Protein backbone atom coordinates (compact mmCIF):
# COMPACT_ATOMS: atom_id res chain seq x y z
CA MET A 1 -45.95 4.56 102.06
CA THR A 2 -43.52 1.86 101.00
CA ARG A 3 -46.25 -0.11 99.96
CA LEU A 4 -47.94 1.70 97.88
CA LEU A 5 -45.30 2.44 96.25
CA THR A 6 -45.22 -1.14 95.20
CA TYR A 7 -48.18 -1.63 94.52
CA LEU A 8 -48.13 1.43 92.08
CA THR A 9 -44.81 -0.68 90.99
CA LEU A 10 -46.47 -4.08 90.49
CA LEU A 11 -49.82 -2.35 88.83
CA ALA A 12 -47.36 0.01 86.12
CA CYS A 13 -45.63 -3.67 85.34
CA ALA A 14 -48.94 -5.40 85.06
CA LEU A 15 -50.59 -2.93 82.40
CA THR A 16 -47.16 -2.43 80.51
CA ALA A 17 -47.03 -6.74 80.50
CA GLN A 18 -50.70 -6.76 79.48
CA ALA A 19 -52.63 -10.31 80.07
CA GLY A 20 -50.19 -13.95 78.99
CA ASN A 21 -47.33 -11.65 77.59
CA ILE A 22 -44.38 -11.61 79.43
CA ILE A 23 -41.52 -8.51 80.26
CA GLY A 24 -37.97 -9.31 81.94
CA PRO A 25 -36.59 -8.45 85.23
CA ALA A 26 -34.84 -5.14 85.93
CA GLY A 27 -30.97 -5.50 85.11
CA GLN A 28 -31.23 -8.67 82.81
CA TRP A 29 -29.79 -8.36 79.85
CA ALA A 30 -31.13 -8.05 76.69
CA TRP A 31 -31.62 -7.47 72.83
CA TYR A 32 -32.02 -3.85 72.99
CA SER A 33 -32.95 -1.17 70.33
CA ARG A 34 -29.35 0.88 69.99
CA ALA A 35 -28.26 -2.15 68.57
CA SER A 36 -30.44 -1.57 65.51
CA SER A 37 -27.66 0.98 64.05
CA TYR A 38 -24.62 -1.88 65.28
CA THR A 39 -22.71 -2.51 61.92
CA PHE A 40 -22.90 -6.78 61.89
CA PRO A 41 -19.14 -8.24 60.02
CA ALA A 42 -19.41 -9.54 56.42
CA ALA A 43 -22.49 -6.95 55.70
CA SER A 44 -22.60 -8.69 51.87
CA SER A 45 -23.87 -12.16 53.26
CA ILE A 46 -26.60 -11.32 55.44
CA VAL A 47 -29.54 -12.35 53.78
CA LEU A 48 -32.08 -11.48 56.10
CA ARG A 49 -32.37 -8.88 59.02
CA TRP A 50 -35.47 -8.34 61.03
CA ASP A 51 -34.89 -5.64 63.60
CA PHE A 52 -38.45 -5.09 64.79
CA ALA A 53 -37.52 -1.41 65.64
CA ALA A 54 -42.14 -0.81 65.48
CA SER A 55 -45.02 -2.69 65.59
CA ASN A 56 -46.19 -3.45 61.51
CA SER A 57 -48.26 -6.43 60.15
CA VAL A 58 -45.51 -6.64 57.55
CA GLN A 59 -41.40 -6.14 59.82
CA PRO A 60 -39.02 -5.00 56.99
CA ASP A 61 -35.69 -6.67 56.42
CA THR A 62 -33.03 -4.26 56.65
CA SER A 63 -30.66 -5.71 55.19
CA ALA A 64 -28.76 -4.72 51.76
CA VAL A 65 -30.97 -7.25 50.15
CA GLY A 66 -34.42 -5.55 51.87
CA THR A 67 -36.61 -8.36 49.83
CA ASN A 68 -37.04 -10.90 52.62
CA SER A 69 -40.01 -9.10 55.12
CA GLY A 70 -41.51 -11.15 57.92
CA ALA A 71 -45.45 -11.10 57.64
CA VAL A 72 -46.84 -10.86 61.24
CA ASN A 73 -49.80 -13.15 62.14
CA GLY A 74 -50.35 -12.83 65.77
CA ALA A 75 -48.15 -11.63 67.81
CA VAL A 76 -47.62 -8.76 70.02
CA TRP A 77 -44.73 -5.82 69.36
CA TYR A 78 -43.56 -4.30 72.49
CA SER A 79 -41.17 -0.70 72.53
CA THR A 80 -40.25 -0.47 76.34
CA SER A 81 -36.56 -0.53 76.32
CA SER A 82 -36.32 -2.78 73.14
CA GLY A 83 -37.87 -3.68 69.82
CA ARG A 84 -39.04 -7.33 70.03
CA TYR A 85 -42.37 -9.53 69.72
CA SER A 86 -44.34 -11.21 72.12
CA PHE A 87 -45.56 -15.17 71.40
CA ASP A 88 -48.22 -16.72 73.00
CA GLY A 89 -47.37 -20.49 72.39
CA VAL A 90 -50.77 -21.24 70.75
CA ASN A 91 -50.85 -19.76 67.06
CA ASP A 92 -48.46 -16.77 66.88
CA SER A 93 -45.89 -16.14 64.56
CA ILE A 94 -44.00 -14.01 61.63
CA THR A 95 -42.82 -15.81 58.33
CA ASN A 96 -41.54 -15.27 55.08
CA ALA A 97 -42.21 -17.02 52.37
CA ASN A 98 -39.07 -17.18 49.79
CA THR A 99 -38.08 -20.45 49.66
CA ALA A 100 -34.36 -19.79 48.76
CA LEU A 101 -33.85 -17.53 51.38
CA CYS A 102 -31.78 -20.24 53.82
CA ASN A 103 -30.19 -22.66 50.44
CA ALA A 104 -26.29 -22.20 51.56
CA ALA A 105 -24.08 -24.14 49.32
CA THR A 106 -20.89 -23.41 52.02
CA ALA A 107 -21.92 -22.16 55.57
CA LEU A 108 -24.88 -20.52 57.67
CA THR A 109 -24.92 -18.24 60.65
CA VAL A 110 -27.55 -17.47 62.47
CA HIS A 111 -28.19 -14.60 65.50
CA VAL A 112 -30.97 -13.89 67.51
CA TRP A 113 -32.14 -12.92 70.74
CA ILE A 114 -34.29 -14.87 72.88
CA PHE A 115 -36.44 -14.85 76.10
CA GLY A 116 -38.32 -18.42 76.52
CA ALA A 117 -41.09 -18.38 79.04
CA THR A 118 -41.76 -21.90 79.11
CA ASN A 119 -39.99 -25.43 78.51
CA GLY A 120 -39.94 -26.55 74.52
CA VAL A 121 -41.34 -30.04 74.64
CA ASP A 122 -38.99 -31.85 72.69
CA ILE A 123 -36.62 -30.98 70.07
CA TYR A 124 -39.15 -29.59 67.69
CA ASP A 125 -39.79 -26.46 69.80
CA ALA A 126 -38.81 -24.12 67.82
CA PRO A 127 -38.46 -20.59 68.26
CA VAL A 128 -36.68 -19.55 64.54
CA SER A 129 -37.34 -22.93 61.90
CA CYS A 130 -36.89 -22.86 57.84
CA PHE A 131 -37.24 -26.62 57.52
CA GLU A 132 -38.89 -29.41 55.34
CA SER A 133 -42.27 -31.78 56.95
CA ALA A 134 -40.46 -34.48 54.64
CA ALA A 135 -37.29 -36.12 53.36
CA PRO A 136 -34.51 -34.95 52.78
CA TRP A 137 -35.61 -32.64 55.53
CA SER A 138 -33.17 -29.97 54.20
CA GLY A 139 -33.37 -26.71 56.33
CA PHE A 140 -32.32 -25.88 60.00
CA PHE A 141 -33.84 -24.81 62.93
CA ILE A 142 -32.84 -23.05 66.72
CA ASP A 143 -34.75 -25.03 69.19
CA TYR A 144 -35.14 -25.77 72.96
CA ARG A 145 -36.42 -28.11 74.81
CA ASN A 146 -36.56 -29.81 78.95
CA ALA A 147 -33.73 -32.49 78.83
CA GLY A 148 -33.32 -32.48 82.46
CA GLY A 149 -32.85 -28.47 83.12
CA THR A 150 -33.35 -26.39 79.33
CA GLN A 151 -31.61 -26.94 76.00
CA ILE A 152 -30.62 -25.09 73.44
CA GLY A 153 -29.44 -25.89 70.39
CA GLY A 154 -29.28 -25.85 66.85
CA LEU A 155 -30.17 -28.67 63.75
CA VAL A 156 -29.17 -28.41 59.94
CA SER A 157 -30.01 -30.98 57.51
CA ASP A 158 -28.42 -31.55 53.94
CA SER A 159 -29.87 -32.08 50.80
CA ASP A 160 -29.07 -35.44 51.56
CA GLY A 161 -30.93 -35.62 54.70
CA ASN A 162 -27.94 -35.96 57.10
CA TYR A 163 -28.05 -33.34 60.19
CA SER A 164 -25.38 -31.44 61.70
CA LEU A 165 -26.42 -30.78 65.66
CA ALA A 166 -25.22 -28.71 67.82
CA ALA A 167 -26.92 -28.38 71.71
CA CYS A 168 -25.90 -26.70 74.86
CA THR A 169 -25.83 -28.46 78.48
CA ALA A 170 -29.00 -28.45 80.34
CA GLY A 171 -29.04 -25.89 82.24
CA ASP A 172 -27.00 -23.45 80.28
CA PHE A 173 -30.49 -21.77 79.06
CA ALA A 174 -32.44 -20.47 81.82
CA LEU A 175 -35.92 -19.47 81.27
CA ASN A 176 -37.53 -16.49 82.13
CA ALA A 177 -33.89 -14.17 81.10
CA TRP A 178 -33.11 -12.43 77.65
CA HIS A 179 -29.97 -14.63 76.11
CA HIS A 180 -28.03 -13.75 73.25
CA VAL A 181 -28.11 -17.54 70.16
CA VAL A 182 -25.96 -17.62 68.09
CA TYR A 183 -25.29 -20.77 65.75
CA THR A 184 -22.98 -21.74 62.79
CA TRP A 185 -22.68 -24.41 60.44
CA LYS A 186 -20.35 -24.71 57.68
CA LYS A 187 -20.37 -27.36 54.63
CA THR A 188 -16.57 -28.76 55.62
CA LEU A 189 -17.13 -32.09 57.86
CA GLY A 190 -20.30 -30.75 58.84
CA ASP A 191 -18.98 -28.38 61.15
CA ASN A 192 -21.44 -26.45 63.54
CA HIS A 193 -21.77 -24.60 66.80
CA ILE A 194 -24.38 -23.03 69.47
CA TYR A 195 -23.08 -20.40 71.07
CA ILE A 196 -24.67 -18.46 74.24
CA ASP A 197 -24.14 -15.11 75.22
CA GLY A 198 -21.41 -14.56 73.40
CA VAL A 199 -19.58 -18.14 74.94
CA GLU A 200 -19.50 -21.53 72.44
CA LYS A 201 -21.84 -23.88 74.88
CA THR A 202 -21.87 -26.54 71.98
CA ALA A 203 -21.72 -29.80 74.27
CA SER A 204 -21.55 -33.07 71.87
CA PRO A 205 -21.66 -31.70 68.33
CA THR A 206 -23.39 -34.68 65.24
CA GLU A 207 -21.60 -33.60 62.42
CA ASN A 208 -22.90 -34.78 59.11
CA ALA A 209 -24.88 -32.47 57.41
CA ASP A 210 -21.53 -32.04 54.56
CA ASN A 211 -23.94 -31.27 51.94
CA ASN A 212 -25.43 -28.25 50.49
CA LEU A 213 -29.17 -26.51 52.32
CA SER A 214 -31.60 -26.77 49.80
CA GLN A 215 -35.69 -26.54 51.15
CA THR A 216 -38.43 -25.47 49.67
CA ILE A 217 -39.78 -23.62 52.77
CA GLY A 218 -39.68 -20.06 53.53
CA LEU A 219 -38.43 -19.64 57.83
CA THR A 220 -40.84 -19.24 60.29
CA VAL A 221 -40.08 -17.52 63.59
CA GLY A 222 -42.05 -18.19 66.80
CA GLU A 223 -43.65 -22.43 65.32
CA ASP A 224 -41.97 -25.32 63.53
CA PRO A 225 -44.18 -25.75 60.97
CA SER A 226 -42.01 -29.16 60.35
CA SER A 227 -44.04 -30.82 63.13
CA ALA A 228 -47.56 -30.51 64.49
CA ALA A 229 -48.81 -27.98 67.41
CA GLN A 230 -45.46 -27.14 67.92
CA TRP A 231 -45.25 -23.51 69.19
CA TYR A 232 -43.06 -20.74 71.19
CA ALA A 233 -44.23 -18.98 74.12
CA GLY A 234 -41.99 -16.09 74.48
CA PHE A 235 -40.30 -13.27 72.90
CA ILE A 236 -37.86 -13.15 69.97
CA GLY A 237 -35.68 -9.85 69.52
CA GLN A 238 -33.61 -8.96 66.78
CA ILE A 239 -33.42 -12.05 63.52
CA VAL A 240 -29.69 -11.52 61.50
CA ILE A 241 -29.28 -14.68 58.74
CA TRP A 242 -26.05 -14.88 56.86
CA LYS A 243 -25.69 -17.18 54.14
CA ASN A 244 -22.24 -18.93 52.66
CA TRP A 245 -20.87 -17.38 55.99
CA GLU A 246 -19.77 -18.92 59.24
CA ALA A 247 -19.05 -16.58 62.37
CA ALA A 248 -16.18 -17.68 64.08
CA SER A 249 -15.71 -16.88 67.78
CA SER A 250 -14.11 -13.27 67.64
CA ASP A 251 -17.40 -12.42 65.42
CA VAL A 252 -20.08 -14.04 67.80
CA THR A 253 -18.16 -12.19 71.09
CA ASN A 254 -18.40 -8.53 68.83
CA ILE A 255 -21.74 -8.85 68.07
CA TRP A 256 -23.04 -9.93 71.42
CA ASN A 257 -21.30 -7.05 72.71
CA GLY A 258 -22.61 -5.00 70.30
CA THR A 259 -26.41 -5.90 70.44
CA LYS A 260 -26.68 -6.08 74.10
CA GLY A 261 -28.28 -3.81 76.33
CA VAL A 262 -29.40 -3.55 79.91
CA TYR A 263 -33.42 -3.26 81.15
């Protein structure tokens, strides 16, 4: 009887996961569907909010701006426990073509739930990217890579081509598990921080991007279009971007507590 129940449980998980996609283990923290009703701080500074609450060929922007929707290209939506998209690491993405979306004069904050399935190859394996492919390389991305353990970090490059980079210590970001990631940048001194699961994990940040962000490329989720064949494999949950606002550590803790759930 026990073997039968185990088999049926595994079969149900396999059918739910579908070929080539990933479902998180029971009991893990996760981006949860109830978070779609969470009230974020500094709402007037939010320029994009994708809750992934339903399967659509175009994901609506639920921020007050309301016009920065996302075109879904191959990514598979899941309703089990939470609204999220699965990316195959081959050619799946969600894009927004607004080239002025992240043109920030003073600060930037990016919030995203990430479930990485495989290690990034190098710094350009970016689950979230709004970054030019030519000089002055202005924009930002959140990336992860294998550097003796999985590292995740954020990078901003300003209109002069100077950059700020904040990355965690190798091993702070575990694969095959949900993580809440927040990256912040402030123009003053190029200050930037990376937070994982509500806690700052910035290790030896580089702080030089002290001019405006002024890129000519839109937002891409699931690929870094500034580098060839850099595709993300795993899940992405809710994404929120603030322009000209830097979240403090207390804000990040509140966002983490307000958007997490349990499978």
